[in-house]
């Protein structure tokens, strides 16, 4: 296995991580921004107020996109296992 193949494998895995984490992190970012704007306009400075909406939104996204995430990850893993004989040469 050459250095180029290893770099390509690492790039693919990092890209797959970004694809799988982006929906969850995006929703957490948007919900956090909305709650921060709400806190700024109402002068409520409760630190725990941001925790529950973010957790509920992230759980909802996991419930909605969990099947897709699992199929993406399993497809990537299957491709990695198919590459093992070529790596052994």
N, C-alpha and C. Protein backbone atom coordinates (compact mmCIF):
# COMPACT_ATOMS: atom_id res chain seq x y z
N UNK A 1 0.85 -1.17 0.00
CA UNK A 1 0.00 0.00 0.00
C UNK A 1 0.90 1.23 0.00
N UNK A 2 0.60 2.15 -0.90
CA UNK A 2 1.46 3.33 -1.04
C UNK A 2 0.96 4.47 -0.14
N UNK A 3 1.80 5.47 -0.05
CA UNK A 3 1.46 6.65 0.76
C UNK A 3 0.23 7.35 0.18
N UNK A 4 0.12 7.39 -1.13
CA UNK A 4 -1.03 8.04 -1.77
C UNK A 4 -2.34 7.35 -1.43
N UNK A 5 -2.31 6.01 -1.38
CA UNK A 5 -3.51 5.27 -1.02
C UNK A 5 -3.89 5.51 0.44
N UNK A 6 -2.90 5.59 1.29
CA UNK A 6 -3.17 5.85 2.71
C UNK A 6 -3.77 7.25 2.89
N UNK A 7 -3.20 8.22 2.20
CA UNK A 7 -3.73 9.59 2.28
C UNK A 7 -5.15 9.63 1.75
N UNK A 8 -5.41 8.93 0.65
CA UNK A 8 -6.76 8.88 0.09
C UNK A 8 -7.74 8.23 1.06
N UNK A 9 -7.30 7.18 1.74
CA UNK A 9 -8.14 6.51 2.73
C UNK A 9 -8.46 7.43 3.90
N UNK A 10 -7.48 8.18 4.36
CA UNK A 10 -7.69 9.11 5.47
C UNK A 10 -8.61 10.26 5.03
N UNK A 11 -8.41 10.77 3.82
CA UNK A 11 -9.29 11.83 3.32
C UNK A 11 -10.73 11.36 3.22
N UNK A 12 -10.92 10.13 2.74
CA UNK A 12 -12.27 9.59 2.65
C UNK A 12 -12.93 9.43 4.00
N UNK A 13 -12.16 9.00 4.99
CA UNK A 13 -12.74 8.83 6.32
C UNK A 13 -13.08 10.17 6.97
N UNK A 14 -12.22 11.17 6.79
CA UNK A 14 -12.50 12.50 7.34
C UNK A 14 -13.73 13.10 6.67
N UNK A 15 -13.83 12.93 5.35
CA UNK A 15 -15.01 13.43 4.63
C UNK A 15 -16.28 12.74 5.10
N UNK A 16 -16.21 11.44 5.34
CA UNK A 16 -17.37 10.70 5.83
C UNK A 16 -17.79 11.18 7.22
N UNK A 17 -16.83 11.48 8.07
CA UNK A 17 -17.13 12.01 9.40
C UNK A 17 -17.82 13.36 9.28
N UNK A 18 -17.32 14.23 8.39
CA UNK A 18 -17.95 15.53 8.20
C UNK A 18 -19.38 15.39 7.70
N UNK A 19 -19.61 14.48 6.77
CA UNK A 19 -20.95 14.28 6.22
C UNK A 19 -21.91 13.78 7.30
N UNK A 20 -21.44 12.89 8.16
CA UNK A 20 -22.31 12.34 9.20
C UNK A 20 -22.54 13.31 10.36
N UNK A 21 -21.56 14.14 10.67
CA UNK A 21 -21.68 15.05 11.81
C UNK A 21 -22.34 16.37 11.45
N UNK A 22 -22.33 16.74 10.18
CA UNK A 22 -22.84 18.06 9.76
C UNK A 22 -24.30 18.31 10.12
N UNK A 23 -25.23 17.38 9.89
CA UNK A 23 -26.62 17.68 10.26
C UNK A 23 -26.82 17.92 11.75
N UNK A 24 -26.17 17.12 12.57
CA UNK A 24 -26.33 17.27 14.02
C UNK A 24 -25.72 18.58 14.49
N UNK A 25 -24.52 18.87 14.03
CA UNK A 25 -23.87 20.12 14.45
C UNK A 25 -24.58 21.34 13.89
N UNK A 26 -25.10 21.24 12.68
CA UNK A 26 -25.84 22.36 12.10
C UNK A 26 -27.10 22.69 12.88
N UNK A 27 -27.83 21.66 13.25
CA UNK A 27 -29.05 21.88 14.04
C UNK A 27 -28.71 22.45 15.41
N UNK A 28 -27.66 21.95 16.04
CA UNK A 28 -27.25 22.48 17.34
C UNK A 28 -26.84 23.95 17.22
N UNK A 29 -26.16 24.29 16.13
CA UNK A 29 -25.75 25.67 15.91
C UNK A 29 -26.96 26.59 15.72
N UNK A 30 -27.91 26.16 14.91
CA UNK A 30 -29.09 26.98 14.64
C UNK A 30 -29.95 27.15 15.89
N UNK A 31 -30.18 26.05 16.61
CA UNK A 31 -30.98 26.14 17.83
C UNK A 31 -30.27 27.00 18.87
N UNK A 32 -28.96 26.85 19.00
CA UNK A 32 -28.21 27.68 19.95
C UNK A 32 -28.29 29.15 19.60
N UNK A 33 -28.23 29.47 18.30
CA UNK A 33 -28.34 30.86 17.87
C UNK A 33 -29.73 31.43 18.17
N UNK A 34 -30.75 30.64 17.91
CA UNK A 34 -32.11 31.10 18.18
C UNK A 34 -32.32 31.34 19.68
N UNK A 35 -31.84 30.41 20.50
CA UNK A 35 -31.98 30.57 21.95
C UNK A 35 -31.16 31.77 22.44
N UNK A 36 -29.98 31.98 21.87
CA UNK A 36 -29.15 33.13 22.27
C UNK A 36 -29.83 34.44 21.91
N UNK A 37 -30.45 34.50 20.74
CA UNK A 37 -31.19 35.71 20.36
C UNK A 37 -32.37 35.92 21.29
N UNK A 38 -33.07 34.84 21.62
CA UNK A 38 -34.19 34.93 22.56
C UNK A 38 -33.71 35.42 23.93
N UNK A 39 -32.58 34.90 24.40
CA UNK A 39 -32.05 35.34 25.69
C UNK A 39 -31.61 36.79 25.66
N UNK A 40 -31.06 37.22 24.55
CA UNK A 40 -30.61 38.61 24.46
C UNK A 40 -31.78 39.58 24.43
N UNK A 41 -32.85 39.20 23.75
CA UNK A 41 -34.00 40.11 23.64
C UNK A 41 -34.82 40.16 24.91
N UNK A 42 -34.83 39.08 25.66
CA UNK A 42 -35.64 39.06 26.89
C UNK A 42 -34.83 39.27 28.15
N UNK A 43 -33.53 39.43 28.02
CA UNK A 43 -32.61 39.62 29.15
C UNK A 43 -32.65 38.46 30.13
N UNK A 44 -32.95 37.27 29.65
CA UNK A 44 -32.88 36.07 30.47
C UNK A 44 -31.47 35.50 30.32
N UNK A 45 -30.74 35.42 31.40
CA UNK A 45 -29.37 34.95 31.33
C UNK A 45 -29.20 33.59 32.01
N UNK A 46 -30.14 32.73 31.82
CA UNK A 46 -30.08 31.38 32.40
C UNK A 46 -29.22 30.49 31.50
N UNK A 47 -28.14 29.95 32.05
CA UNK A 47 -27.21 29.15 31.26
C UNK A 47 -27.78 27.80 30.86
N UNK A 48 -28.66 27.26 31.67
CA UNK A 48 -29.21 25.94 31.37
C UNK A 48 -30.32 25.99 30.34
N UNK A 49 -30.76 27.17 29.97
CA UNK A 49 -31.85 27.30 28.99
C UNK A 49 -31.44 26.79 27.62
N UNK A 50 -30.19 26.88 27.27
CA UNK A 50 -29.75 26.44 25.95
C UNK A 50 -29.59 24.93 25.86
N UNK A 51 -29.42 24.26 26.98
CA UNK A 51 -29.12 22.84 26.97
C UNK A 51 -30.28 21.99 26.47
N UNK A 52 -31.45 22.15 27.03
CA UNK A 52 -32.58 21.29 26.70
C UNK A 52 -33.04 21.44 25.24
N UNK A 53 -33.22 22.65 24.71
CA UNK A 53 -33.62 22.74 23.29
C UNK A 53 -32.59 22.12 22.34
N UNK A 54 -31.31 22.31 22.63
CA UNK A 54 -30.28 21.71 21.78
C UNK A 54 -30.34 20.19 21.83
N UNK A 55 -30.48 19.64 23.03
CA UNK A 55 -30.54 18.19 23.17
C UNK A 55 -31.76 17.61 22.47
N UNK A 56 -32.90 18.27 22.62
CA UNK A 56 -34.12 17.78 21.96
C UNK A 56 -34.00 17.86 20.44
N UNK A 57 -33.44 18.94 19.94
CA UNK A 57 -33.27 19.09 18.50
C UNK A 57 -32.28 18.07 17.96
N UNK A 58 -31.20 17.83 18.68
CA UNK A 58 -30.22 16.85 18.22
C UNK A 58 -30.79 15.43 18.26
N UNK A 59 -31.58 15.11 19.26
CA UNK A 59 -32.22 13.81 19.32
C UNK A 59 -33.25 13.65 18.19
N UNK A 60 -33.95 14.73 17.87
CA UNK A 60 -34.92 14.67 16.76
C UNK A 60 -34.21 14.43 15.44
N UNK A 61 -33.09 15.09 15.22
CA UNK A 61 -32.34 14.89 13.98
C UNK A 61 -31.78 13.47 13.92
N UNK A 62 -31.31 12.96 15.06
CA UNK A 62 -30.84 11.57 15.08
C UNK A 62 -31.98 10.60 14.78
N UNK A 63 -33.17 10.89 15.29
CA UNK A 63 -34.31 10.02 15.01
C UNK A 63 -34.71 10.09 13.53
N UNK A 64 -34.64 11.28 12.95
CA UNK A 64 -35.01 11.43 11.54
C UNK A 64 -33.95 10.89 10.58
N UNK A 65 -32.70 11.17 10.87
CA UNK A 65 -31.63 10.82 9.94
C UNK A 65 -30.79 9.63 10.38
N UNK A 66 -31.18 8.97 11.45
CA UNK A 66 -30.40 7.86 11.96
C UNK A 66 -30.25 6.72 10.97
N UNK A 67 -31.31 6.39 10.26
CA UNK A 67 -31.26 5.32 9.26
C UNK A 67 -30.31 5.66 8.13
N UNK A 68 -30.39 6.90 7.66
CA UNK A 68 -29.49 7.34 6.59
C UNK A 68 -28.04 7.32 7.05
N UNK A 69 -27.81 7.80 8.29
CA UNK A 69 -26.45 7.80 8.82
C UNK A 69 -25.89 6.39 8.94
N UNK A 70 -26.74 5.47 9.41
CA UNK A 70 -26.30 4.09 9.54
C UNK A 70 -26.00 3.47 8.19
N UNK A 71 -26.82 3.74 7.19
CA UNK A 71 -26.55 3.17 5.87
C UNK A 71 -25.28 3.76 5.26
N UNK A 72 -25.04 5.06 5.46
CA UNK A 72 -23.80 5.68 4.97
C UNK A 72 -22.58 5.03 5.63
N UNK A 73 -22.64 4.90 6.94
CA UNK A 73 -21.52 4.35 7.68
C UNK A 73 -21.30 2.87 7.36
N UNK A 74 -22.38 2.11 7.22
CA UNK A 74 -22.21 0.70 6.90
C UNK A 74 -21.69 0.52 5.47
N UNK A 75 -22.13 1.36 4.54
CA UNK A 75 -21.60 1.29 3.18
C UNK A 75 -20.12 1.61 3.14
N UNK A 76 -19.70 2.60 3.89
CA UNK A 76 -18.28 2.96 3.96
C UNK A 76 -17.47 1.83 4.59
N UNK A 77 -18.01 1.23 5.64
CA UNK A 77 -17.31 0.13 6.31
C UNK A 77 -17.20 -1.08 5.40
N UNK A 78 -18.25 -1.40 4.67
CA UNK A 78 -18.21 -2.52 3.72
C UNK A 78 -17.16 -2.28 2.65
N UNK A 79 -17.07 -1.04 2.16
CA UNK A 79 -16.04 -0.72 1.17
C UNK A 79 -14.64 -0.88 1.76
N UNK A 80 -14.47 -0.49 3.02
CA UNK A 80 -13.16 -0.67 3.67
C UNK A 80 -12.80 -2.15 3.78
N UNK A 81 -13.76 -2.98 4.15
CA UNK A 81 -13.48 -4.41 4.27
C UNK A 81 -13.20 -5.03 2.91
N UNK A 82 -13.83 -4.52 1.85
CA UNK A 82 -13.55 -5.03 0.51
C UNK A 82 -12.15 -4.63 0.04
N UNK A 83 -11.60 -3.57 0.60
CA UNK A 83 -10.27 -3.12 0.22
C UNK A 83 -9.15 -3.86 0.94
N UNK A 84 -9.47 -4.63 1.96
CA UNK A 84 -8.44 -5.31 2.76
C UNK A 84 -7.59 -6.27 1.92
N UNK A 85 -8.16 -7.12 1.05
CA UNK A 85 -7.28 -7.99 0.26
C UNK A 85 -6.30 -7.23 -0.64
N UNK A 86 -6.73 -6.10 -1.17
CA UNK A 86 -5.82 -5.30 -2.00
C UNK A 86 -4.72 -4.66 -1.16
N UNK A 87 -5.02 -4.35 0.08
CA UNK A 87 -4.02 -3.75 0.96
C UNK A 87 -2.97 -4.77 1.40
N UNK A 88 -3.34 -6.03 1.45
CA UNK A 88 -2.43 -7.07 1.93
C UNK A 88 -1.35 -7.40 0.90
N UNK A 89 -1.57 -7.05 -0.35
CA UNK A 89 -0.59 -7.37 -1.40
C UNK A 89 0.62 -6.50 -1.34
